[in-house]
N, C-alpha and C. Protein backbone atom coordinates (compact mmCIF):
# COMPACT_ATOMS: atom_id res chain seq x y z
N MET A 1 -74.73 77.17 -78.97
CA MET A 1 -75.90 76.51 -79.51
C MET A 1 -75.96 75.09 -78.96
N ILE A 2 -77.16 74.66 -78.62
CA ILE A 2 -77.40 73.29 -78.18
C ILE A 2 -78.22 72.58 -79.25
N VAL A 3 -77.77 71.37 -79.61
CA VAL A 3 -78.47 70.53 -80.58
C VAL A 3 -78.80 69.22 -79.87
N LEU A 4 -80.08 68.81 -79.91
CA LEU A 4 -80.52 67.55 -79.35
C LEU A 4 -80.83 66.59 -80.48
N ILE A 5 -80.27 65.37 -80.39
CA ILE A 5 -80.49 64.35 -81.41
C ILE A 5 -80.98 63.08 -80.71
N THR A 6 -82.18 62.63 -81.09
CA THR A 6 -82.73 61.41 -80.53
C THR A 6 -82.97 60.41 -81.65
N GLY A 7 -83.27 59.19 -81.25
CA GLY A 7 -83.60 58.15 -82.22
C GLY A 7 -83.54 56.80 -81.53
N GLY A 8 -84.07 55.81 -82.18
CA GLY A 8 -84.05 54.46 -81.64
C GLY A 8 -82.68 53.84 -81.73
N SER A 9 -82.54 52.70 -81.12
CA SER A 9 -81.29 51.96 -81.15
C SER A 9 -80.93 51.60 -82.59
N GLY A 10 -79.71 51.90 -82.99
CA GLY A 10 -79.25 51.58 -84.33
C GLY A 10 -79.81 52.48 -85.42
N SER A 11 -80.38 53.61 -85.05
CA SER A 11 -81.03 54.49 -86.03
C SER A 11 -80.05 55.33 -86.85
N GLY A 12 -78.81 55.46 -86.38
CA GLY A 12 -77.84 56.31 -87.04
C GLY A 12 -77.64 57.64 -86.35
N LYS A 13 -78.22 57.78 -85.15
CA LYS A 13 -78.13 59.06 -84.44
C LYS A 13 -76.70 59.41 -84.05
N SER A 14 -75.89 58.44 -83.69
CA SER A 14 -74.50 58.72 -83.31
C SER A 14 -73.70 59.23 -84.51
N ALA A 15 -73.86 58.59 -85.65
CA ALA A 15 -73.15 59.03 -86.85
C ALA A 15 -73.59 60.44 -87.24
N PHE A 16 -74.90 60.71 -87.15
CA PHE A 16 -75.40 62.05 -87.48
C PHE A 16 -74.85 63.07 -86.49
N ALA A 17 -74.78 62.71 -85.21
CA ALA A 17 -74.25 63.63 -84.20
C ALA A 17 -72.79 63.97 -84.50
N GLU A 18 -72.00 62.98 -84.86
CA GLU A 18 -70.59 63.23 -85.18
C GLU A 18 -70.47 64.09 -86.44
N GLU A 19 -71.31 63.84 -87.44
CA GLU A 19 -71.31 64.69 -88.65
C GLU A 19 -71.66 66.13 -88.28
N THR A 20 -72.62 66.28 -87.38
CA THR A 20 -73.04 67.61 -86.93
C THR A 20 -71.87 68.33 -86.27
N VAL A 21 -71.18 67.64 -85.37
CA VAL A 21 -70.02 68.23 -84.69
C VAL A 21 -68.96 68.63 -85.71
N MET A 22 -68.68 67.76 -86.66
CA MET A 22 -67.64 68.04 -87.66
C MET A 22 -68.00 69.28 -88.49
N GLY A 23 -69.28 69.54 -88.67
CA GLY A 23 -69.71 70.69 -89.46
C GLY A 23 -69.79 72.00 -88.69
N LEU A 24 -69.48 71.98 -87.40
CA LEU A 24 -69.62 73.18 -86.58
C LEU A 24 -68.35 74.01 -86.51
N GLY A 25 -67.34 73.67 -87.25
CA GLY A 25 -66.13 74.48 -87.28
C GLY A 25 -64.93 73.78 -86.70
N ALA A 26 -63.80 74.48 -86.77
CA ALA A 26 -62.51 73.92 -86.37
C ALA A 26 -62.23 74.21 -84.89
N PHE A 27 -63.15 73.83 -84.04
CA PHE A 27 -62.98 73.97 -82.59
C PHE A 27 -62.39 72.69 -82.02
N PRO A 28 -61.81 72.76 -80.84
CA PRO A 28 -61.48 71.51 -80.14
C PRO A 28 -62.77 70.69 -79.97
N ARG A 29 -62.67 69.37 -80.10
CA ARG A 29 -63.84 68.49 -80.04
C ARG A 29 -63.72 67.57 -78.83
N TYR A 30 -64.81 67.52 -78.07
CA TYR A 30 -64.84 66.68 -76.87
C TYR A 30 -66.00 65.70 -76.97
N TYR A 31 -65.71 64.47 -76.64
CA TYR A 31 -66.71 63.42 -76.62
C TYR A 31 -66.92 63.07 -75.14
N ILE A 32 -68.09 63.41 -74.62
CA ILE A 32 -68.42 63.14 -73.22
C ILE A 32 -69.10 61.78 -73.19
N ALA A 33 -68.36 60.77 -72.78
CA ALA A 33 -68.85 59.39 -72.78
C ALA A 33 -69.54 59.08 -71.45
N THR A 34 -70.80 58.64 -71.53
CA THR A 34 -71.57 58.40 -70.31
C THR A 34 -71.77 56.92 -70.01
N MET A 35 -71.32 56.04 -70.88
CA MET A 35 -71.56 54.61 -70.65
C MET A 35 -70.55 54.04 -69.67
N ASP A 36 -71.06 53.39 -68.64
CA ASP A 36 -70.22 52.63 -67.72
C ASP A 36 -69.90 51.30 -68.39
N CYS A 37 -68.63 50.94 -68.42
CA CYS A 37 -68.21 49.69 -69.04
C CYS A 37 -68.36 48.56 -68.02
N LEU A 38 -69.49 47.84 -68.11
CA LEU A 38 -69.81 46.84 -67.10
C LEU A 38 -69.71 45.40 -67.59
N ASP A 39 -69.77 45.19 -68.90
CA ASP A 39 -69.79 43.81 -69.41
C ASP A 39 -69.26 43.78 -70.85
N VAL A 40 -69.27 42.59 -71.43
CA VAL A 40 -68.75 42.40 -72.79
C VAL A 40 -69.54 43.23 -73.79
N GLU A 41 -70.85 43.26 -73.67
CA GLU A 41 -71.68 44.01 -74.62
C GLU A 41 -71.35 45.50 -74.61
N THR A 42 -71.21 46.08 -73.41
CA THR A 42 -70.89 47.52 -73.36
C THR A 42 -69.48 47.78 -73.87
N ARG A 43 -68.54 46.87 -73.61
CA ARG A 43 -67.18 47.03 -74.15
C ARG A 43 -67.21 47.04 -75.68
N GLN A 44 -68.04 46.18 -76.27
CA GLN A 44 -68.15 46.13 -77.73
C GLN A 44 -68.76 47.42 -78.27
N ARG A 45 -69.78 47.94 -77.61
CA ARG A 45 -70.40 49.20 -78.05
C ARG A 45 -69.41 50.36 -77.95
N ILE A 46 -68.67 50.39 -76.85
CA ILE A 46 -67.67 51.45 -76.67
C ILE A 46 -66.62 51.35 -77.75
N SER A 47 -66.17 50.15 -78.05
CA SER A 47 -65.15 49.95 -79.09
C SER A 47 -65.67 50.40 -80.45
N ARG A 48 -66.91 50.08 -80.77
CA ARG A 48 -67.51 50.48 -82.05
C ARG A 48 -67.57 52.00 -82.16
N HIS A 49 -67.98 52.67 -81.08
CA HIS A 49 -68.07 54.14 -81.09
C HIS A 49 -66.68 54.79 -81.19
N ARG A 50 -65.69 54.19 -80.56
CA ARG A 50 -64.33 54.74 -80.67
C ARG A 50 -63.83 54.64 -82.11
N LYS A 51 -64.13 53.53 -82.77
CA LYS A 51 -63.72 53.37 -84.18
C LYS A 51 -64.42 54.40 -85.05
N MET A 52 -65.69 54.70 -84.76
CA MET A 52 -66.43 55.71 -85.53
C MET A 52 -65.76 57.09 -85.40
N ARG A 53 -65.15 57.36 -84.25
CA ARG A 53 -64.55 58.67 -83.99
C ARG A 53 -63.10 58.79 -84.46
N GLU A 54 -62.49 57.69 -84.86
CA GLU A 54 -61.09 57.73 -85.28
C GLU A 54 -60.87 58.77 -86.36
N GLY A 55 -59.81 59.54 -86.21
CA GLY A 55 -59.44 60.53 -87.21
C GLY A 55 -60.27 61.80 -87.17
N LYS A 56 -61.13 61.93 -86.16
CA LYS A 56 -62.00 63.11 -86.09
C LYS A 56 -61.57 64.09 -84.99
N SER A 57 -60.43 63.84 -84.38
CA SER A 57 -59.83 64.75 -83.39
C SER A 57 -60.70 64.99 -82.15
N PHE A 58 -61.36 63.93 -81.68
CA PHE A 58 -62.11 64.04 -80.44
C PHE A 58 -61.20 63.72 -79.26
N THR A 59 -61.35 64.48 -78.19
CA THR A 59 -60.77 64.12 -76.89
C THR A 59 -61.91 63.52 -76.09
N THR A 60 -61.74 62.29 -75.61
CA THR A 60 -62.80 61.62 -74.87
C THR A 60 -62.67 61.90 -73.38
N LEU A 61 -63.79 62.29 -72.78
CA LEU A 61 -63.88 62.49 -71.34
C LEU A 61 -64.94 61.54 -70.80
N GLU A 62 -64.55 60.66 -69.89
CA GLU A 62 -65.49 59.70 -69.31
C GLU A 62 -66.28 60.38 -68.20
N GLN A 63 -67.61 60.38 -68.31
CA GLN A 63 -68.46 61.03 -67.31
C GLN A 63 -69.77 60.24 -67.17
N PRO A 64 -69.71 59.06 -66.55
CA PRO A 64 -70.92 58.24 -66.45
C PRO A 64 -71.96 58.77 -65.45
N VAL A 65 -71.55 59.61 -64.53
CA VAL A 65 -72.47 60.28 -63.60
C VAL A 65 -71.98 61.70 -63.35
N HIS A 66 -72.86 62.51 -62.80
CA HIS A 66 -72.52 63.88 -62.38
C HIS A 66 -71.90 64.72 -63.49
N LEU A 67 -72.68 64.94 -64.53
CA LEU A 67 -72.24 65.75 -65.66
C LEU A 67 -71.79 67.14 -65.22
N GLU A 68 -72.36 67.64 -64.13
CA GLU A 68 -72.00 68.97 -63.64
C GLU A 68 -70.54 69.05 -63.20
N GLN A 69 -69.88 67.91 -63.02
CA GLN A 69 -68.47 67.89 -62.63
C GLN A 69 -67.52 67.86 -63.82
N CYS A 70 -68.07 67.76 -65.01
CA CYS A 70 -67.24 67.70 -66.22
C CYS A 70 -66.65 69.08 -66.50
N VAL A 71 -65.34 69.11 -66.71
CA VAL A 71 -64.64 70.35 -67.02
C VAL A 71 -63.89 70.16 -68.34
N LEU A 72 -64.21 71.02 -69.30
CA LEU A 72 -63.53 70.96 -70.58
C LEU A 72 -62.20 71.70 -70.50
N PRO A 73 -61.15 71.18 -71.12
CA PRO A 73 -59.84 71.85 -71.08
C PRO A 73 -59.86 73.24 -71.70
N GLN A 74 -60.67 73.44 -72.73
CA GLN A 74 -60.83 74.77 -73.35
C GLN A 74 -62.14 74.78 -74.10
N ARG A 75 -62.59 75.97 -74.50
CA ARG A 75 -63.86 76.08 -75.22
C ARG A 75 -63.78 75.32 -76.54
N GLY A 76 -64.87 74.71 -76.90
CA GLY A 76 -64.92 73.96 -78.15
C GLY A 76 -66.32 73.44 -78.39
N VAL A 77 -66.39 72.29 -79.03
CA VAL A 77 -67.65 71.62 -79.30
C VAL A 77 -67.66 70.33 -78.51
N ALA A 78 -68.72 70.11 -77.75
CA ALA A 78 -68.84 68.89 -76.96
C ALA A 78 -70.00 68.05 -77.47
N LEU A 79 -69.79 66.75 -77.49
CA LEU A 79 -70.81 65.78 -77.87
C LEU A 79 -71.06 64.89 -76.66
N VAL A 80 -72.26 64.93 -76.12
CA VAL A 80 -72.64 64.07 -74.99
C VAL A 80 -73.33 62.84 -75.55
N GLU A 81 -72.77 61.67 -75.27
CA GLU A 81 -73.29 60.40 -75.79
C GLU A 81 -73.40 59.43 -74.63
N CYS A 82 -74.50 59.10 -74.11
CA CYS A 82 -75.80 59.64 -74.42
C CYS A 82 -76.59 59.85 -73.13
N ILE A 83 -77.62 60.65 -73.22
CA ILE A 83 -78.42 61.04 -72.06
C ILE A 83 -79.14 59.85 -71.44
N SER A 84 -79.62 58.92 -72.25
CA SER A 84 -80.33 57.77 -71.66
C SER A 84 -79.41 56.93 -70.78
N ASN A 85 -78.12 56.80 -71.15
CA ASN A 85 -77.15 56.14 -70.27
C ASN A 85 -76.94 56.95 -69.00
N LEU A 86 -76.79 58.26 -69.16
CA LEU A 86 -76.55 59.13 -68.02
C LEU A 86 -77.70 59.05 -67.02
N VAL A 87 -78.94 59.10 -67.51
CA VAL A 87 -80.10 59.00 -66.63
C VAL A 87 -80.10 57.66 -65.90
N ALA A 88 -79.85 56.58 -66.62
CA ALA A 88 -79.81 55.26 -65.98
C ALA A 88 -78.71 55.20 -64.92
N ASN A 89 -77.54 55.73 -65.23
CA ASN A 89 -76.44 55.73 -64.26
C ASN A 89 -76.78 56.57 -63.03
N GLU A 90 -77.35 57.75 -63.26
CA GLU A 90 -77.72 58.62 -62.13
C GLU A 90 -78.82 57.98 -61.29
N ARG A 91 -79.67 57.19 -61.92
CA ARG A 91 -80.79 56.54 -61.21
C ARG A 91 -80.34 55.28 -60.48
N TYR A 92 -79.54 54.43 -61.11
CA TYR A 92 -79.30 53.10 -60.58
C TYR A 92 -77.88 52.86 -60.04
N SER A 93 -76.88 53.63 -60.45
CA SER A 93 -75.51 53.40 -60.02
C SER A 93 -75.33 53.78 -58.55
N PRO A 94 -74.50 53.04 -57.84
CA PRO A 94 -74.19 53.43 -56.45
C PRO A 94 -73.56 54.81 -56.36
N LYS A 95 -72.95 55.30 -57.45
CA LYS A 95 -72.33 56.62 -57.48
C LYS A 95 -73.30 57.69 -57.99
N GLY A 96 -74.52 57.27 -58.37
CA GLY A 96 -75.46 58.18 -59.01
C GLY A 96 -76.18 59.13 -58.07
N PHE A 97 -76.73 60.16 -58.63
CA PHE A 97 -77.44 61.22 -57.92
C PHE A 97 -78.61 60.68 -57.08
N ALA A 98 -79.37 59.75 -57.63
CA ALA A 98 -80.60 59.29 -56.97
C ALA A 98 -80.34 58.41 -55.75
N ARG A 99 -79.12 57.99 -55.54
CA ARG A 99 -78.82 57.17 -54.35
C ARG A 99 -78.89 58.00 -53.07
N GLU A 100 -78.64 59.30 -53.18
CA GLU A 100 -78.64 60.15 -51.98
C GLU A 100 -79.61 61.32 -52.07
N ASN A 101 -80.40 61.39 -53.14
CA ASN A 101 -81.29 62.52 -53.37
C ASN A 101 -82.64 62.02 -53.82
N PRO A 102 -83.69 62.83 -53.63
CA PRO A 102 -85.01 62.43 -54.11
C PRO A 102 -85.03 62.24 -55.62
N LEU A 103 -85.65 61.16 -56.06
CA LEU A 103 -85.69 60.83 -57.48
C LEU A 103 -86.35 61.94 -58.29
N GLY A 104 -87.31 62.62 -57.73
CA GLY A 104 -87.99 63.70 -58.44
C GLY A 104 -87.08 64.86 -58.80
N GLU A 105 -85.94 64.97 -58.13
CA GLU A 105 -84.99 66.04 -58.42
C GLU A 105 -83.98 65.69 -59.51
N LEU A 106 -84.04 64.44 -60.01
CA LEU A 106 -83.07 64.00 -61.01
C LEU A 106 -83.10 64.83 -62.30
N PRO A 107 -84.27 65.11 -62.89
CA PRO A 107 -84.23 65.93 -64.11
C PRO A 107 -83.58 67.30 -63.90
N ALA A 108 -83.90 67.98 -62.80
CA ALA A 108 -83.30 69.29 -62.53
C ALA A 108 -81.78 69.16 -62.37
N HIS A 109 -81.33 68.09 -61.74
CA HIS A 109 -79.89 67.83 -61.59
C HIS A 109 -79.23 67.69 -62.96
N LEU A 110 -79.86 66.93 -63.86
CA LEU A 110 -79.31 66.75 -65.21
C LEU A 110 -79.29 68.06 -65.98
N PHE A 111 -80.36 68.85 -65.87
CA PHE A 111 -80.40 70.14 -66.56
C PHE A 111 -79.30 71.07 -66.05
N GLN A 112 -79.03 71.02 -64.75
CA GLN A 112 -77.94 71.82 -64.19
C GLN A 112 -76.62 71.42 -64.83
N GLY A 113 -76.38 70.13 -64.98
CA GLY A 113 -75.16 69.65 -65.61
C GLY A 113 -75.06 70.07 -67.07
N ILE A 114 -76.17 70.00 -67.78
CA ILE A 114 -76.18 70.41 -69.20
C ILE A 114 -75.88 71.90 -69.31
N ARG A 115 -76.52 72.71 -68.47
CA ARG A 115 -76.27 74.16 -68.53
C ARG A 115 -74.81 74.48 -68.21
N LYS A 116 -74.24 73.80 -67.22
CA LYS A 116 -72.85 74.05 -66.87
C LYS A 116 -71.92 73.64 -68.02
N LEU A 117 -72.20 72.50 -68.62
CA LEU A 117 -71.38 72.06 -69.75
C LEU A 117 -71.54 73.02 -70.93
N ALA A 118 -72.76 73.43 -71.22
CA ALA A 118 -73.01 74.36 -72.33
C ALA A 118 -72.28 75.69 -72.13
N SER A 119 -72.12 76.10 -70.89
CA SER A 119 -71.42 77.37 -70.61
C SER A 119 -69.93 77.29 -70.95
N GLN A 120 -69.41 76.06 -71.08
CA GLN A 120 -68.00 75.86 -71.40
C GLN A 120 -67.76 75.65 -72.90
N CYS A 121 -68.84 75.64 -73.70
CA CYS A 121 -68.76 75.26 -75.11
C CYS A 121 -69.15 76.40 -76.04
N GLU A 122 -68.66 76.28 -77.25
CA GLU A 122 -69.21 77.07 -78.34
C GLU A 122 -70.52 76.41 -78.80
N HIS A 123 -70.50 75.07 -78.86
CA HIS A 123 -71.66 74.29 -79.28
C HIS A 123 -71.70 73.02 -78.45
N LEU A 124 -72.93 72.57 -78.13
CA LEU A 124 -73.13 71.33 -77.39
C LEU A 124 -74.11 70.47 -78.17
N VAL A 125 -73.69 69.26 -78.53
CA VAL A 125 -74.54 68.31 -79.23
C VAL A 125 -74.84 67.18 -78.26
N ILE A 126 -76.13 66.89 -78.09
CA ILE A 126 -76.57 65.90 -77.11
C ILE A 126 -77.30 64.77 -77.84
N VAL A 127 -76.91 63.53 -77.55
CA VAL A 127 -77.54 62.35 -78.14
C VAL A 127 -78.33 61.63 -77.05
N SER A 128 -79.52 61.14 -77.42
CA SER A 128 -80.31 60.35 -76.49
C SER A 128 -81.13 59.31 -77.24
N ASN A 129 -81.42 58.21 -76.57
CA ASN A 129 -82.25 57.16 -77.14
C ASN A 129 -83.72 57.46 -76.93
N GLU A 130 -84.51 57.17 -77.93
CA GLU A 130 -85.95 57.26 -77.80
C GLU A 130 -86.40 56.05 -76.98
N VAL A 131 -87.10 56.31 -75.88
CA VAL A 131 -87.61 55.23 -75.04
C VAL A 131 -89.09 55.46 -74.77
N GLY A 132 -89.80 54.39 -74.56
CA GLY A 132 -91.19 54.49 -74.13
C GLY A 132 -92.21 54.58 -75.24
N SER A 133 -91.78 54.57 -76.49
CA SER A 133 -92.75 54.71 -77.57
C SER A 133 -93.25 53.37 -78.10
N ASP A 134 -92.81 52.28 -77.46
CA ASP A 134 -93.23 50.95 -77.94
C ASP A 134 -94.59 50.53 -77.41
N GLY A 135 -95.15 51.29 -76.45
CA GLY A 135 -96.48 51.00 -75.93
C GLY A 135 -96.56 49.84 -74.97
N ILE A 136 -95.41 49.32 -74.55
CA ILE A 136 -95.39 48.19 -73.63
C ILE A 136 -95.37 48.71 -72.20
N ALA A 137 -96.15 48.07 -71.33
CA ALA A 137 -96.13 48.40 -69.90
C ALA A 137 -95.09 47.51 -69.23
N TYR A 138 -94.08 48.15 -68.66
CA TYR A 138 -92.99 47.44 -68.01
C TYR A 138 -93.18 47.43 -66.50
N ASP A 139 -92.22 46.86 -65.78
CA ASP A 139 -92.26 46.89 -64.32
C ASP A 139 -92.18 48.34 -63.84
N ASP A 140 -92.51 48.56 -62.58
CA ASP A 140 -92.60 49.93 -62.03
C ASP A 140 -91.30 50.71 -62.17
N SER A 141 -90.16 50.06 -61.92
CA SER A 141 -88.88 50.75 -61.99
C SER A 141 -88.58 51.22 -63.41
N THR A 142 -88.86 50.38 -64.39
CA THR A 142 -88.62 50.75 -65.79
C THR A 142 -89.58 51.85 -66.22
N MET A 143 -90.83 51.77 -65.80
CA MET A 143 -91.80 52.81 -66.15
C MET A 143 -91.39 54.15 -65.52
N GLU A 144 -90.83 54.10 -64.33
CA GLU A 144 -90.34 55.31 -63.68
C GLU A 144 -89.19 55.92 -64.50
N TYR A 145 -88.28 55.07 -64.98
CA TYR A 145 -87.18 55.52 -65.83
C TYR A 145 -87.73 56.15 -67.11
N ILE A 146 -88.71 55.53 -67.73
CA ILE A 146 -89.31 56.05 -68.97
C ILE A 146 -89.95 57.41 -68.71
N ARG A 147 -90.64 57.57 -67.58
CA ARG A 147 -91.25 58.87 -67.24
C ARG A 147 -90.17 59.94 -67.04
N ILE A 148 -89.10 59.58 -66.35
CA ILE A 148 -88.00 60.54 -66.15
C ILE A 148 -87.41 60.93 -67.50
N MET A 149 -87.21 59.94 -68.38
CA MET A 149 -86.65 60.25 -69.71
C MET A 149 -87.58 61.19 -70.48
N GLY A 150 -88.88 61.01 -70.37
CA GLY A 150 -89.82 61.91 -71.03
C GLY A 150 -89.66 63.34 -70.54
N THR A 151 -89.52 63.50 -69.23
CA THR A 151 -89.31 64.82 -68.64
C THR A 151 -87.99 65.41 -69.10
N VAL A 152 -86.95 64.60 -69.10
CA VAL A 152 -85.62 65.06 -69.52
C VAL A 152 -85.63 65.45 -71.00
N HIS A 153 -86.22 64.63 -71.85
CA HIS A 153 -86.27 64.96 -73.28
C HIS A 153 -87.03 66.26 -73.52
N ALA A 154 -88.16 66.43 -72.84
CA ALA A 154 -88.94 67.67 -73.02
C ALA A 154 -88.12 68.88 -72.58
N GLY A 155 -87.43 68.78 -71.46
CA GLY A 155 -86.61 69.89 -70.98
C GLY A 155 -85.44 70.19 -71.90
N LEU A 156 -84.78 69.15 -72.39
CA LEU A 156 -83.66 69.35 -73.31
C LEU A 156 -84.14 69.97 -74.63
N ALA A 157 -85.30 69.54 -75.10
CA ALA A 157 -85.84 70.11 -76.34
C ALA A 157 -86.14 71.59 -76.17
N MET A 158 -86.57 71.99 -74.99
CA MET A 158 -86.82 73.41 -74.73
C MET A 158 -85.50 74.19 -74.71
N MET A 159 -84.44 73.60 -74.18
CA MET A 159 -83.13 74.26 -74.11
C MET A 159 -82.48 74.38 -75.49
N ALA A 160 -82.73 73.41 -76.35
CA ALA A 160 -82.02 73.29 -77.62
C ALA A 160 -82.53 74.27 -78.67
N GLU A 161 -81.59 74.74 -79.48
CA GLU A 161 -81.95 75.55 -80.64
C GLU A 161 -82.39 74.67 -81.80
N GLU A 162 -81.82 73.47 -81.86
CA GLU A 162 -82.18 72.51 -82.91
C GLU A 162 -82.44 71.15 -82.28
N VAL A 163 -83.48 70.46 -82.79
CA VAL A 163 -83.83 69.11 -82.31
C VAL A 163 -84.05 68.23 -83.53
N TYR A 164 -83.43 67.06 -83.52
CA TYR A 164 -83.57 66.09 -84.61
C TYR A 164 -83.97 64.75 -84.04
N GLU A 165 -84.80 64.03 -84.80
CA GLU A 165 -85.02 62.61 -84.54
C GLU A 165 -84.48 61.87 -85.76
N VAL A 166 -83.62 60.89 -85.53
CA VAL A 166 -83.06 60.12 -86.62
C VAL A 166 -83.86 58.83 -86.74
N VAL A 167 -84.46 58.64 -87.93
CA VAL A 167 -85.29 57.47 -88.20
C VAL A 167 -84.72 56.76 -89.43
N TYR A 168 -84.35 55.50 -89.28
CA TYR A 168 -83.79 54.72 -90.40
C TYR A 168 -82.63 55.43 -91.07
N GLY A 169 -81.82 56.10 -90.28
CA GLY A 169 -80.66 56.81 -90.81
C GLY A 169 -80.97 58.18 -91.39
N ILE A 170 -82.23 58.59 -91.32
CA ILE A 170 -82.64 59.87 -91.88
C ILE A 170 -82.90 60.86 -90.74
N PRO A 171 -82.13 61.95 -90.65
CA PRO A 171 -82.38 62.95 -89.60
C PRO A 171 -83.58 63.83 -89.98
N LEU A 172 -84.55 63.89 -89.09
CA LEU A 172 -85.73 64.73 -89.28
C LEU A 172 -85.68 65.86 -88.28
N ARG A 173 -85.59 67.10 -88.77
CA ARG A 173 -85.53 68.25 -87.87
C ARG A 173 -86.94 68.57 -87.38
N THR A 174 -87.08 68.62 -86.05
CA THR A 174 -88.38 68.93 -85.46
C THR A 174 -88.40 70.31 -84.83
N LYS A 175 -87.24 70.90 -84.64
CA LYS A 175 -87.14 72.26 -84.11
C LYS A 175 -85.92 72.92 -84.69
């Protein structure tokens, strides 16, 4: 089963995703971390998320790009945190997919990685940030990222058996 969880920054989506994983049974638990640790702010976010996971028996796998290369040690439940970081890394990182491939192929590349990861799991929980709903027109590069995220979110929602948006700490099931 694939579960997609979206929400704005600070909405409580990460806590809800971890609760969801904990409720899926006594499987091995994997946390697929997609954030590249580039500065003090990202180090603080990573530290906060690690503290949230303490005592929950997660094995953390760092995968900031190329999700299709992620190999789980055994079948279990995987939590991908988060797709918006992964898309940004694949788009802008020197190690990312878009550096050597057409940008239009990025969503299909991400879906391939999700399908491969899902084939290794009993359950896959995916977290992503809601972007683009503020109505602001940004520079061309940011608008391109927002369009890609829209395509990725729509595709992931189609793949998922369950979809939630977390608003003010309240998970709203949309599928």
